[in-house]
Amino acid sequence: MKIKGLRSYFREKWLPKALMIGMREEQFWETNPRKMKPYSEAFKQKRMIQDEDDWKLGLYIKAAIGSALDKRNKYLDKPIMQEAEDNRIITDTLSEEEQEAARRKMMMSMGLPKALLDG
């Protein structure tokens, strides 16, 4: 794609990126390019949070499928983050062996195959 002129270059190459990271078009044309950095960083952080949320969703789906395929695997009793916080509070007072047993129990409740629990 051949671009004619500097304004066309910025409109076709940089403006779409600025819009994607949350800048308004007016801001893009009126601001110093260095001021785009916080928008870019905020966009990256949002993507990281979304990626983590998607990963957690995968855990819920895995637990659901595991419980549907094998009745010995029951679905999660409470949200993963709540379970993790409850376990953190409890494991602060447990020995290493008790912590390992608690970890295995939590993983089993998520419907993970036994082979993964031993690894």
PDB file of N, CA and C in Angstrom:
ATOM      1  N   MET A   1       0.846  -1.165   0.000  1.00  0.00           N
ATOM      2  CA  MET A   1       0.000   0.000   0.000  1.00  0.00           C
ATOM      3  C   MET A   1       0.897   1.235   0.000  1.00  0.00           C
ATOM      4  N   LYS A   2       0.707   2.080  -0.979  1.00  0.00           N
ATOM      5  CA  LYS A   2       1.492   3.302  -1.086  1.00  0.00           C
ATOM      6  C   LYS A   2       0.697   4.440  -0.455  1.00  0.00           C
ATOM      7  N   ILE A   3       1.346   5.215   0.405  1.00  0.00           N
ATOM      8  CA  ILE A   3       0.683   6.299   1.132  1.00  0.00           C
ATOM      9  C   ILE A   3       1.200   7.630   0.608  1.00  0.00           C
ATOM     10  N   LYS A   4       0.261   8.540   0.346  1.00  0.00           N
ATOM     11  CA  LYS A   4       0.631   9.863  -0.148  1.00  0.00           C
ATOM     12  C   LYS A   4       0.589  10.854   0.998  1.00  0.00           C
ATOM     13  N   GLY A   5       1.710  11.432   1.326  1.00  0.00           N
ATOM     14  CA  GLY A   5       1.767  12.489   2.318  1.00  0.00           C
ATOM     15  C   GLY A   5       1.847  11.992   3.749  1.00  0.00           C
ATOM     16  N   LEU A   6       2.377  12.862   4.587  1.00  0.00           N
ATOM     17  CA  LEU A   6       2.578  12.540   5.991  1.00  0.00           C
ATOM     18  C   LEU A   6       1.253  12.356   6.738  1.00  0.00           C
ATOM     19  N   ARG A   7       0.270  13.227   6.485  1.00  0.00           N
ATOM     20  CA  ARG A   7      -1.024  13.107   7.162  1.00  0.00           C
ATOM     21  C   ARG A   7      -1.699  11.777   6.800  1.00  0.00           C
ATOM     22  N   SER A   8      -1.625  11.393   5.541  1.00  0.00           N
ATOM     23  CA  SER A   8      -2.198  10.104   5.127  1.00  0.00           C
ATOM     24  C   SER A   8      -1.485   8.954   5.822  1.00  0.00           C
ATOM     25  N   TYR A   9      -0.173   9.072   5.952  1.00  0.00           N
ATOM     26  CA  TYR A   9       0.599   8.038   6.643  1.00  0.00           C
ATOM     27  C   TYR A   9       0.109   7.865   8.076  1.00  0.00           C
ATOM     28  N   PHE A  10      -0.030   8.982   8.794  1.00  0.00           N
ATOM     29  CA  PHE A  10      -0.500   8.894  10.176  1.00  0.00           C
ATOM     30  C   PHE A  10      -1.943   8.414  10.252  1.00  0.00           C
ATOM     31  N   ARG A  11      -2.784   8.831   9.321  1.00  0.00           N
ATOM     32  CA  ARG A  11      -4.190   8.421   9.323  1.00  0.00           C
ATOM     33  C   ARG A  11      -4.303   6.917   9.080  1.00  0.00           C
ATOM     34  N   GLU A  12      -3.503   6.390   8.173  1.00  0.00           N
ATOM     35  CA  GLU A  12      -3.631   4.983   7.805  1.00  0.00           C
ATOM     36  C   GLU A  12      -2.815   4.039   8.686  1.00  0.00           C
ATOM     37  N   LYS A  13      -1.686   4.500   9.216  1.00  0.00           N
ATOM     38  CA  LYS A  13      -0.812   3.619   9.999  1.00  0.00           C
ATOM     39  C   LYS A  13      -0.972   3.783  11.508  1.00  0.00           C
ATOM     40  N   TRP A  14      -1.027   5.002  11.993  1.00  0.00           N
ATOM     41  CA  TRP A  14      -1.001   5.247  13.433  1.00  0.00           C
ATOM     42  C   TRP A  14      -2.366   5.494  14.062  1.00  0.00           C
ATOM     43  N   LEU A  15      -3.266   6.139  13.345  1.00  0.00           N
ATOM     44  CA  LEU A  15      -4.583   6.429  13.913  1.00  0.00           C
ATOM     45  C   LEU A  15      -5.330   5.155  14.323  1.00  0.00           C
ATOM     46  N   PRO A  16      -5.375   4.112  13.492  1.00  0.00           N
ATOM     47  CA  PRO A  16      -6.066   2.891  13.935  1.00  0.00           C
ATOM     48  C   PRO A  16      -5.482   2.313  15.233  1.00  0.00           C
ATOM     49  N   LYS A  17      -4.166   2.385  15.373  1.00  0.00           N
ATOM     50  CA  LYS A  17      -3.537   1.884  16.599  1.00  0.00           C
ATOM     51  C   LYS A  17      -3.932   2.735  17.797  1.00  0.00           C
ATOM     52  N   ALA A  18      -3.961   4.061  17.609  1.00  0.00           N
ATOM     53  CA  ALA A  18      -4.349   4.959  18.699  1.00  0.00           C
ATOM     54  C   ALA A  18      -5.793   4.707  19.112  1.00  0.00           C
ATOM     55  N   LEU A  19      -6.673   4.513  18.136  1.00  0.00           N
ATOM     56  CA  LEU A  19      -8.079   4.232  18.452  1.00  0.00           C
ATOM     57  C   LEU A  19      -8.211   2.904  19.199  1.00  0.00           C
ATOM     58  N   MET A  20      -7.416   1.922  18.807  1.00  0.00           N
ATOM     59  CA  MET A  20      -7.465   0.609  19.442  1.00  0.00           C
ATOM     60  C   MET A  20      -7.065   0.683  20.915  1.00  0.00           C
ATOM     61  N   ILE A  21      -6.122   1.552  21.262  1.00  0.00           N
ATOM     62  CA  ILE A  21      -5.683   1.627  22.656  1.00  0.00           C
ATOM     63  C   ILE A  21      -6.522   2.590  23.487  1.00  0.00           C
ATOM     64  N   GLY A  22      -7.558   3.169  22.882  1.00  0.00           N
ATOM     65  CA  GLY A  22      -8.499   3.959  23.666  1.00  0.00           C
ATOM     66  C   GLY A  22      -8.418   5.469  23.503  1.00  0.00           C
ATOM     67  N   MET A  23      -7.584   5.951  22.621  1.00  0.00           N
ATOM     68  CA  MET A  23      -7.529   7.395  22.386  1.00  0.00           C
ATOM     69  C   MET A  23      -8.683   7.800  21.476  1.00  0.00           C
ATOM     70  N   ARG A  24      -9.178   9.010  21.673  1.00  0.00           N
ATOM     71  CA  ARG A  24     -10.148   9.577  20.744  1.00  0.00           C
ATOM     72  C   ARG A  24      -9.369  10.179  19.570  1.00  0.00           C
ATOM     73  N   GLU A  25      -9.999  10.274  18.431  1.00  0.00           N
ATOM     74  CA  GLU A  25      -9.326  10.801  17.252  1.00  0.00           C
ATOM     75  C   GLU A  25      -8.818  12.222  17.484  1.00  0.00           C
ATOM     76  N   GLU A  26      -9.611  13.043  18.175  1.00  0.00           N
ATOM     77  CA  GLU A  26      -9.184  14.421  18.454  1.00  0.00           C
ATOM     78  C   GLU A  26      -7.908  14.434  19.290  1.00  0.00           C
ATOM     79  N   GLN A  27      -7.843  13.546  20.275  1.00  0.00           N
ATOM     80  CA  GLN A  27      -6.641  13.454  21.108  1.00  0.00           C
ATOM     81  C   GLN A  27      -5.432  13.075  20.265  1.00  0.00           C
ATOM     82  N   PHE A  28      -5.632  12.128  19.369  1.00  0.00           N
ATOM     83  CA  PHE A  28      -4.525  11.667  18.540  1.00  0.00           C
ATOM     84  C   PHE A  28      -3.917  12.821  17.744  1.00  0.00           C
ATOM     85  N   TRP A  29      -4.763  13.621  17.134  1.00  0.00           N
ATOM     86  CA  TRP A  29      -4.251  14.693  16.279  1.00  0.00           C
ATOM     87  C   TRP A  29      -3.682  15.849  17.084  1.00  0.00           C
ATOM     88  N   GLU A  30      -4.106  16.002  18.329  1.00  0.00           N
ATOM     89  CA  GLU A  30      -3.690  17.162  19.115  1.00  0.00           C
ATOM     90  C   GLU A  30      -2.574  16.868  20.112  1.00  0.00           C
ATOM     91  N   THR A  31      -2.188  15.629  20.268  1.00  0.00           N
ATOM     92  CA  THR A  31      -1.243  15.275  21.331  1.00  0.00           C
ATOM     93  C   THR A  31       0.150  14.934  20.802  1.00  0.00           C
ATOM     94  N   ASN A  32       1.079  14.964  21.718  1.00  0.00           N
ATOM     95  CA  ASN A  32       2.451  14.553  21.455  1.00  0.00           C
ATOM     96  C   ASN A  32       2.479  13.017  21.442  1.00  0.00           C
ATOM     97  N   PRO A  33       3.181  12.394  20.504  1.00  0.00           N
ATOM     98  CA  PRO A  33       3.212  10.923  20.456  1.00  0.00           C
ATOM     99  C   PRO A  33       3.660  10.267  21.761  1.00  0.00           C
ATOM    100  N   ARG A  34       4.515  10.947  22.538  1.00  0.00           N
ATOM    101  CA  ARG A  34       4.948  10.359  23.816  1.00  0.00           C
ATOM    102  C   ARG A  34       3.781  10.210  24.793  1.00  0.00           C
ATOM    103  N   LYS A  35       2.747  11.004  24.615  1.00  0.00           N
ATOM    104  CA  LYS A  35       1.597  10.918  25.519  1.00  0.00           C
ATOM    105  C   LYS A  35       0.710   9.718  25.204  1.00  0.00           C
ATOM    106  N   MET A  36       1.041   8.981  24.163  1.00  0.00           N
ATOM    107  CA  MET A  36       0.305   7.754  23.849  1.00  0.00           C
ATOM    108  C   MET A  36       0.747   6.601  24.743  1.00  0.00           C
ATOM    109  N   LYS A  37       1.917   6.700  25.339  1.00  0.00           N
ATOM    110  CA  LYS A  37       2.489   5.614  26.142  1.00  0.00           C
ATOM    111  C   LYS A  37       1.545   5.131  27.257  1.00  0.00           C
ATOM    112  N   PRO A  38       0.948   6.036  28.076  1.00  0.00           N
ATOM    113  CA  PRO A  38       0.041   5.527  29.116  1.00  0.00           C
ATOM    114  C   PRO A  38      -1.174   4.788  28.544  1.00  0.00           C
ATOM    115  N   TYR A  39      -1.668   5.239  27.401  1.00  0.00           N
ATOM    116  CA  TYR A  39      -2.788   4.543  26.767  1.00  0.00           C
ATOM    117  C   TYR A  39      -2.360   3.144  26.327  1.00  0.00           C
ATOM    118  N   SER A  40      -1.163   3.067  25.767  1.00  0.00           N
ATOM    119  CA  SER A  40      -0.639   1.779  25.325  1.00  0.00           C
ATOM    120  C   SER A  40      -0.436   0.831  26.509  1.00  0.00           C
ATOM    121  N   GLU A  41       0.112   1.347  27.597  1.00  0.00           N
ATOM    122  CA  GLU A  41       0.322   0.516  28.792  1.00  0.00           C
ATOM    123  C   GLU A  41      -1.014   0.063  29.384  1.00  0.00           C
ATOM    124  N   ALA A  42      -1.987   0.970  29.429  1.00  0.00           N
ATOM    125  CA  ALA A  42      -3.312   0.603  29.950  1.00  0.00           C
ATOM    126  C   ALA A  42      -3.940  -0.489  29.084  1.00  0.00           C
ATOM    127  N   PHE A  43      -3.777  -0.369  27.775  1.00  0.00           N
ATOM    128  CA  PHE A  43      -4.311  -1.375  26.856  1.00  0.00           C
ATOM    129  C   PHE A  43      -3.657  -2.730  27.121  1.00  0.00           C
ATOM    130  N   LYS A  44      -2.339  -2.748  27.306  1.00  0.00           N
ATOM    131  CA  LYS A  44      -1.626  -4.002  27.593  1.00  0.00           C
ATOM    132  C   LYS A  44      -2.119  -4.616  28.902  1.00  0.00           C
ATOM    133  N   GLN A  45      -2.326  -3.778  29.920  1.00  0.00           N
ATOM    134  CA  GLN A  45      -2.805  -4.294  31.206  1.00  0.00           C
ATOM    135  C   GLN A  45      -4.214  -4.871  31.068  1.00  0.00           C
ATOM    136  N   LYS A  46      -5.068  -4.194  30.307  1.00  0.00           N
ATOM    137  CA  LYS A  46      -6.420  -4.723  30.076  1.00  0.00           C
ATOM    138  C   LYS A  46      -6.351  -6.080  29.388  1.00  0.00           C
ATOM    139  N   ARG A  47      -5.447  -6.213  28.413  1.00  0.00           N
ATOM    140  CA  ARG A  47      -5.295  -7.475  27.694  1.00  0.00           C
ATOM    141  C   ARG A  47      -4.794  -8.577  28.631  1.00  0.00           C
ATOM    142  N   MET A  48      -3.884  -8.235  29.522  1.00  0.00           N
ATOM    143  CA  MET A  48      -3.376  -9.222  30.479  1.00  0.00           C
ATOM    144  C   MET A  48      -4.501  -9.703  31.399  1.00  0.00           C
ATOM    145  N   ILE A  49      -5.318  -8.769  31.875  1.00  0.00           N
ATOM    146  CA  ILE A  49      -6.439  -9.129  32.742  1.00  0.00           C
ATOM    147  C   ILE A  49      -7.429  -9.996  31.983  1.00  0.00           C
ATOM    148  N   GLN A  50      -7.732  -9.626  30.729  1.00  0.00           N
ATOM    149  CA  GLN A  50      -8.653 -10.419  29.919  1.00  0.00           C
ATOM    150  C   GLN A  50      -8.103 -11.818  29.678  1.00  0.00           C
ATOM    151  N   ASP A  51      -6.809 -11.916  29.425  1.00  0.00           N
ATOM    152  CA  ASP A  51      -6.177 -13.211  29.204  1.00  0.00           C
ATOM    153  C   ASP A  51      -6.290 -14.083  30.458  1.00  0.00           C
ATOM    154  N   GLU A  52      -6.055 -13.480  31.621  1.00  0.00           N
ATOM    155  CA  GLU A  52      -6.180 -14.228  32.876  1.00  0.00           C
ATOM    156  C   GLU A  52      -7.623 -14.660  33.102  1.00  0.00           C
ATOM    157  N   ASP A  53      -8.571 -13.781  32.805  1.00  0.00           N
ATOM    158  CA  ASP A  53      -9.988 -14.138  32.944  1.00  0.00           C
ATOM    159  C   ASP A  53     -10.353 -15.286  32.004  1.00  0.00           C
ATOM    160  N   ASP A  54      -9.841 -15.245  30.779  1.00  0.00           N
ATOM    161  CA  ASP A  54     -10.102 -16.324  29.824  1.00  0.00           C
ATOM    162  C   ASP A  54      -9.513 -17.643  30.330  1.00  0.00           C
ATOM    163  N   TRP A  55      -8.315 -17.562  30.921  1.00  0.00           N
ATOM    164  CA  TRP A  55      -7.677 -18.759  31.465  1.00  0.00           C
ATOM    165  C   TRP A  55      -8.533 -19.343  32.598  1.00  0.00           C
ATOM    166  N   LYS A  56      -9.032 -18.469  33.481  1.00  0.00           N
ATOM    167  CA  LYS A  56      -9.886 -18.943  34.578  1.00  0.00           C
ATOM    168  C   LYS A  56     -11.165 -19.576  34.033  1.00  0.00           C
ATOM    169  N   LEU A  57     -11.725 -18.967  32.984  1.00  0.00           N
ATOM    170  CA  LEU A  57     -12.916 -19.547  32.367  1.00  0.00           C
ATOM    171  C   LEU A  57     -12.626 -20.960  31.884  1.00  0.00           C
ATOM    172  N   GLY A  58     -11.430 -21.165  31.331  1.00  0.00           N
ATOM    173  CA  GLY A  58     -11.032 -22.504  30.898  1.00  0.00           C
ATOM    174  C   GLY A  58     -11.029 -23.497  32.050  1.00  0.00           C
ATOM    175  N   LEU A  59     -10.621 -23.037  33.237  1.00  0.00           N
ATOM    176  CA  LEU A  59     -10.646 -23.925  34.409  1.00  0.00           C
ATOM    177  C   LEU A  59     -12.074 -24.321  34.770  1.00  0.00           C
ATOM    178  N   TYR A  60     -12.993 -23.357  34.687  1.00  0.00           N
ATOM    179  CA  TYR A  60     -14.397 -23.668  34.972  1.00  0.00           C
ATOM    180  C   TYR A  60     -14.945 -24.659  33.944  1.00  0.00           C
ATOM    181  N   ILE A  61     -14.595 -24.448  32.683  1.00  0.00           N
ATOM    182  CA  ILE A  61     -15.066 -25.356  31.633  1.00  0.00           C
ATOM    183  C   ILE A  61     -14.480 -26.743  31.843  1.00  0.00           C
ATOM    184  N   LYS A  62     -13.188 -26.798  32.175  1.00  0.00           N
ATOM    185  CA  LYS A  62     -12.541 -28.094  32.429  1.00  0.00           C
ATOM    186  C   LYS A  62     -13.231 -28.814  33.593  1.00  0.00           C
ATOM    187  N   ALA A  63     -13.550 -28.083  34.644  1.00  0.00           N
ATOM    188  CA  ALA A  63     -14.227 -28.691  35.798  1.00  0.00           C
ATOM    189  C   ALA A  63     -15.617 -29.181  35.409  1.00  0.00           C
ATOM    190  N   ALA A  64     -16.309 -28.402  34.582  1.00  0.00           N
ATOM    191  CA  ALA A  64     -17.655 -28.790  34.158  1.00  0.00           C
ATOM    192  C   ALA A  64     -17.606 -30.052  33.305  1.00  0.00           C
ATOM    193  N   ILE A  65     -16.679 -30.096  32.370  1.00  0.00           N
ATOM    194  CA  ILE A  65     -16.557 -31.277  31.510  1.00  0.00           C
ATOM    195  C   ILE A  65     -16.133 -32.488  32.336  1.00  0.00           C
ATOM    196  N   GLY A  66     -15.172 -32.283  33.241  1.00  0.00           N
ATOM    197  CA  GLY A  66     -14.727 -33.384  34.092  1.00  0.00           C
ATOM    198  C   GLY A  66     -15.855 -33.954  34.929  1.00  0.00           C
ATOM    199  N   SER A  67     -16.705 -33.078  35.472  1.00  0.00           N
ATOM    200  CA  SER A  67     -17.817 -33.561  36.296  1.00  0.00           C
ATOM    201  C   SER A  67     -18.914 -34.195  35.441  1.00  0.00           C
ATOM    202  N   ALA A  68     -19.056 -33.760  34.195  1.00  0.00           N
ATOM    203  CA  ALA A  68     -20.066 -34.346  33.310  1.00  0.00           C
ATOM    204  C   ALA A  68     -19.640 -35.736  32.824  1.00  0.00           C
ATOM    205  N   LEU A  69     -18.341 -35.927  32.623  1.00  0.00           N
ATOM    206  CA  LEU A  69     -17.851 -37.198  32.101  1.00  0.00           C
ATOM    207  C   LEU A  69     -17.639 -38.263  33.169  1.00  0.00           C
ATOM    208  N   ASP A  70     -17.410 -37.837  34.387  1.00  0.00           N
ATOM    209  CA  ASP A  70     -17.145 -38.791  35.465  1.00  0.00           C
ATOM    210  C   ASP A  70     -17.852 -38.298  36.718  1.00  0.00           C
ATOM    211  N   LYS A  71     -18.846 -39.003  37.153  1.00  0.00           N
ATOM    212  CA  LYS A  71     -19.658 -38.573  38.302  1.00  0.00           C
ATOM    213  C   LYS A  71     -18.853 -38.517  39.604  1.00  0.00           C
ATOM    214  N   ARG A  72     -17.679 -39.156  39.634  1.00  0.00           N
ATOM    215  CA  ARG A  72     -16.835 -39.051  40.830  1.00  0.00           C
ATOM    216  C   ARG A  72     -16.228 -37.654  40.964  1.00  0.00           C
ATOM    217  N   ASN A  73     -16.125 -36.952  39.844  1.00  0.00           N
ATOM    218  CA  ASN A  73     -15.623 -35.571  39.870  1.00  0.00           C
ATOM    219  C   ASN A  73     -16.817 -34.647  40.033  1.00  0.00           C
ATOM    220  N   LYS A  74     -16.892 -33.979  41.162  1.00  0.00           N
ATOM    221  CA  LYS A  74     -18.013 -33.062  41.314  1.00  0.00           C
ATOM    222  C   LYS A  74     -17.573 -31.647  40.922  1.00  0.00           C
ATOM    223  N   TYR A  75     -18.533 -30.880  40.472  1.00  0.00           N
ATOM    224  CA  TYR A  75     -18.233 -29.517  40.034  1.00  0.00           C
ATOM    225  C   TYR A  75     -17.822 -28.680  41.242  1.00  0.00           C
ATOM    226  N   LEU A  76     -17.150 -27.586  40.987  1.00  0.00           N
ATOM    227  CA  LEU A  76     -16.638 -26.703  42.040  1.00  0.00           C
ATOM    228  C   LEU A  76     -17.753 -26.251  42.986  1.00  0.00           C
ATOM    229  N   ASP A  77     -17.446 -26.251  44.269  1.00  0.00           N
ATOM    230  CA  ASP A  77     -18.420 -25.804  45.266  1.00  0.00           C
ATOM    231  C   ASP A  77     -18.533 -24.284  45.319  1.00  0.00           C
ATOM    232  N   LYS A  78     -17.435 -23.597  44.988  1.00  0.00           N
ATOM    233  CA  LYS A  78     -17.424 -22.138  45.027  1.00  0.00           C
ATOM    234  C   LYS A  78     -16.432 -21.627  43.994  1.00  0.00           C
ATOM    235  N   PRO A  79     -16.474 -20.345  43.712  1.00  0.00           N
ATOM    236  CA  PRO A  79     -15.562 -19.787  42.704  1.00  0.00           C
ATOM    237  C   PRO A  79     -14.094 -20.081  43.028  1.00  0.00           C
ATOM    238  N   ILE A  80     -13.294 -20.238  41.985  1.00  0.00           N
ATOM    239  CA  ILE A  80     -11.890 -20.607  42.135  1.00  0.00           C
ATOM    240  C   ILE A  80     -11.138 -19.617  43.014  1.00  0.00           C
ATOM    241  N   MET A  81     -11.335 -18.334  42.788  1.00  0.00           N
ATOM    242  CA  MET A  81     -10.599 -17.329  43.562  1.00  0.00           C
ATOM    243  C   MET A  81     -10.985 -17.382  45.041  1.00  0.00           C
ATOM    244  N   GLN A  82     -12.248 -17.629  45.328  1.00  0.00           N
ATOM    245  CA  GLN A  82     -12.683 -17.752  46.720  1.00  0.00           C
ATOM    246  C   GLN A  82     -12.072 -18.993  47.355  1.00  0.00           C
ATOM    247  N   GLU A  83     -12.052 -20.075  46.599  1.00  0.00           N
ATOM    248  CA  GLU A  83     -11.450 -21.323  47.091  1.00  0.00           C
ATOM    249  C   GLU A  83      -9.967 -21.116  47.374  1.00  0.00           C
ATOM    250  N   ALA A  84      -9.282 -20.424  46.453  1.00  0.00           N
ATOM    251  CA  ALA A  84      -7.848 -20.170  46.632  1.00  0.00           C
ATOM    252  C   ALA A  84      -7.604 -19.317  47.870  1.00  0.00           C
ATOM    253  N   GLU A  85      -8.416 -18.301  48.088  1.00  0.00           N
ATOM    254  CA  GLU A  85      -8.249 -17.442  49.265  1.00  0.00           C
ATOM    255  C   GLU A  85      -8.525 -18.228  50.543  1.00  0.00           C
ATOM    256  N   ASP A  86      -9.590 -19.038  50.534  1.00  0.00           N
ATOM    257  CA  ASP A  86      -9.893 -19.869  51.704  1.00  0.00           C
ATOM    258  C   ASP A  86      -8.732 -20.824  51.988  1.00  0.00           C
ATOM    259  N   ASN A  87      -8.180 -21.430  50.932  1.00  0.00           N
ATOM    260  CA  ASN A  87      -7.056 -22.360  51.106  1.00  0.00           C
ATOM    261  C   ASN A  87      -5.808 -21.633  51.586  1.00  0.00           C
ATOM    262  N   ARG A  88      -5.596 -20.405  51.113  1.00  0.00           N
ATOM    263  CA  ARG A  88      -4.426 -19.643  51.552  1.00  0.00           C
ATOM    264  C   ARG A  88      -4.507 -19.396  53.047  1.00  0.00           C
ATOM    265  N   ILE A  89      -5.669 -19.025  53.519  1.00  0.00           N
ATOM    266  CA  ILE A  89      -5.849 -18.760  54.948  1.00  0.00           C
ATOM    267  C   ILE A  89      -5.623 -20.047  55.748  1.00  0.00           C
ATOM    268  N   ILE A  90      -6.175 -21.139  55.253  1.00  0.00           N
ATOM    269  CA  ILE A  90      -6.055 -22.420  55.955  1.00  0.00           C
ATOM    270  C   ILE A  90      -4.616 -22.935  55.895  1.00  0.00           C
ATOM    271  N   THR A  91      -3.981 -22.871  54.717  1.00  0.00           N
ATOM    272  CA  THR A  91      -2.660 -23.475  54.569  1.00  0.00           C
ATOM    273  C   THR A  91      -1.571 -22.711  55.293  1.00  0.00           C
ATOM    274  N   ASP A  92      -1.824 -21.492  55.696  1.00  0.00           N
ATOM    275  CA  ASP A  92      -0.824 -20.754  56.465  1.00  0.00           C
ATOM    276  C   ASP A  92      -0.519 -21.470  57.785  1.00  0.00           C
ATOM    277  N   THR A  93      -1.450 -22.307  58.246  1.00  0.00           N
ATOM    278  CA  THR A  93      -1.261 -22.998  59.512  1.00  0.00           C
ATOM    279  C   THR A  93      -0.965 -24.490  59.333  1.00  0.00           C
ATOM    280  N   LEU A  94      -0.851 -24.978  58.094  1.00  0.00           N
ATOM    281  CA  LEU A  94      -0.652 -26.403  57.838  1.00  0.00           C
ATOM    282  C   LEU A  94       0.817 -26.752  57.599  1.00  0.00           C
ATOM    283  N   SER A  95       1.137 -28.018  57.858  1.00  0.00           N
ATOM    284  CA  SER A  95       2.474 -28.523  57.524  1.00  0.00           C
ATOM    285  C   SER A  95       2.570 -28.686  56.007  1.00  0.00           C
ATOM    286  N   GLU A  96       3.774 -28.980  55.511  1.00  0.00           N
ATOM    287  CA  GLU A  96       3.954 -29.167  54.065  1.00  0.00           C
ATOM    288  C   GLU A  96       3.122 -30.338  53.541  1.00  0.00           C
ATOM    289  N   GLU A  97       3.058 -31.423  54.309  1.00  0.00           N
ATOM    290  CA  GLU A  97       2.278 -32.592  53.888  1.00  0.00           C
ATOM    291  C   GLU A  97       0.799 -32.243  53.834  1.00  0.00           C
ATOM    292  N   GLU A  98       0.312 -31.507  54.825  1.00  0.00           N
ATOM    293  CA  GLU A  98      -1.094 -31.103  54.837  1.00  0.00           C
ATOM    294  C   GLU A  98      -1.398 -30.137  53.695  1.00  0.00           C
ATOM    295  N   GLN A  99      -0.443 -29.253  53.385  1.00  0.00           N
ATOM    296  CA  GLN A  99      -0.627 -28.335  52.264  1.00  0.00           C
ATOM    297  C   GLN A  99      -0.714 -29.101  50.944  1.00  0.00           C
ATOM    298  N   GLU A 100       0.137 -30.123  50.787  1.00  0.00           N
ATOM    299  CA  GLU A 100       0.109 -30.933  49.562  1.00  0.00           C
ATOM    300  C   GLU A 100      -1.214 -31.684  49.451  1.00  0.00           C
ATOM    301  N   ALA A 101      -1.708 -32.216  50.548  1.00  0.00           N
ATOM    302  CA  ALA A 101      -2.999 -32.912  50.538  1.00  0.00           C
ATOM    303  C   ALA A 101      -4.128 -31.947  50.179  1.00  0.00           C
ATOM    304  N   ALA A 102      -4.071 -30.733  50.706  1.00  0.00           N
ATOM    305  CA  ALA A 102      -5.091 -29.726  50.390  1.00  0.00           C
ATOM    306  C   ALA A 102      -5.029 -29.333  48.911  1.00  0.00           C
ATOM    307  N   ARG A 103      -3.815 -29.215  48.376  1.00  0.00           N
ATOM    308  CA  ARG A 103      -3.643 -28.885  46.956  1.00  0.00           C
ATOM    309  C   ARG A 103      -4.234 -29.986  46.072  1.00  0.00           C
ATOM    310  N   ARG A 104      -3.927 -31.239  46.398  1.00  0.00           N
ATOM    311  CA  ARG A 104      -4.458 -32.365  45.620  1.00  0.00           C
ATOM    312  C   ARG A 104      -5.980 -32.409  45.699  1.00  0.00           C
ATOM    313  N   LYS A 105      -6.532 -32.151  46.871  1.00  0.00           N
ATOM    314  CA  LYS A 105      -7.991 -32.158  47.037  1.00  0.00           C
ATOM    315  C   LYS A 105      -8.630 -31.076  46.169  1.00  0.00           C
ATOM    316  N   MET A 106      -8.027 -29.877  46.164  1.00  0.00           N
ATOM    317  CA  MET A 106      -8.576 -28.797  45.353  1.00  0.00           C
ATOM    318  C   MET A 106      -8.495 -29.142  43.870  1.00  0.00           C
ATOM    319  N   MET A 107      -7.364 -29.726  43.439  1.00  0.00           N
ATOM    320  CA  MET A 107      -7.213 -30.086  42.032  1.00  0.00           C
ATOM    321  C   MET A 107      -8.202 -31.186  41.642  1.00  0.00           C
ATOM    322  N   MET A 108      -8.433 -32.129  42.535  1.00  0.00           N
ATOM    323  CA  MET A 108      -9.398 -33.189  42.257  1.00  0.00           C
ATOM    324  C   MET A 108     -10.797 -32.614  42.131  1.00  0.00           C
ATOM    325  N   SER A 109     -11.115 -31.607  42.960  1.00  0.00           N
ATOM    326  CA  SER A 109     -12.447 -31.004  42.891  1.00  0.00           C
ATOM    327  C   SER A 109     -12.657 -30.258  41.577  1.00  0.00           C
ATOM    328  N   MET A 110     -11.550 -29.936  40.887  1.00  0.00           N
ATOM    329  CA  MET A 110     -11.640 -29.254  39.605  1.00  0.00           C
ATOM    330  C   MET A 110     -11.816 -30.243  38.456  1.00  0.00           C
ATOM    331  N   GLY A 111     -11.801 -31.539  38.768  1.00  0.00           N
ATOM    332  CA  GLY A 111     -12.024 -32.551  37.751  1.00  0.00           C
ATOM    333  C   GLY A 111     -10.789 -32.924  36.953  1.00  0.00           C
ATOM    334  N   LEU A 112      -9.601 -32.649  37.507  1.00  0.00           N
ATOM    335  CA  LEU A 112      -8.370 -32.993  36.797  1.00  0.00           C
ATOM    336  C   LEU A 112      -8.134 -34.498  36.876  1.00  0.00           C
ATOM    337  N   PRO A 113      -7.615 -35.088  35.799  1.00  0.00           N
ATOM    338  CA  PRO A 113      -7.328 -36.528  35.808  1.00  0.00           C
ATOM    339  C   PRO A 113      -6.266 -36.860  36.864  1.00  0.00           C
ATOM    340  N   LYS A 114      -6.338 -38.048  37.410  1.00  0.00           N
ATOM    341  CA  LYS A 114      -5.404 -38.477  38.449  1.00  0.00           C
ATOM    342  C   LYS A 114      -3.956 -38.390  37.980  1.00  0.00           C
ATOM    343  N   ALA A 115      -3.702 -38.666  36.713  1.00  0.00           N
ATOM    344  CA  ALA A 115      -2.329 -38.612  36.191  1.00  0.00           C
ATOM    345  C   ALA A 115      -1.729 -37.203  36.337  1.00  0.00           C
ATOM    346  N   LEU A 116      -2.535 -36.188  36.201  1.00  0.00           N
ATOM    347  CA  LEU A 116      -2.023 -34.817  36.356  1.00  0.00           C
ATOM    348  C   LEU A 116      -1.751 -34.480  37.817  1.00  0.00           C
ATOM    349  N   LEU A 117      -2.479 -35.111  38.711  1.00  0.00           N
ATOM    350  CA  LEU A 117      -2.304 -34.834  40.130  1.00  0.00           C
ATOM    351  C   LEU A 117      -0.982 -35.382  40.637  1.00  0.00           C
ATOM    352  N   ASP A 118      -0.491 -36.447  40.027  1.00  0.00           N
ATOM    353  CA  ASP A 118       0.739 -37.081  40.484  1.00  0.00           C
ATOM    354  C   ASP A 118       1.981 -36.397  39.945  1.00  0.00           C
ATOM    355  N   GLY A 119       1.826 -35.532  38.930  1.00  0.00           N
ATOM    356  CA  GLY A 119       2.972 -34.918  38.288  1.00  0.00           C
ATOM    357  C   GLY A 119       3.472 -33.677  38.908  1.00  0.00           C
TER     358      GLY A 119
END
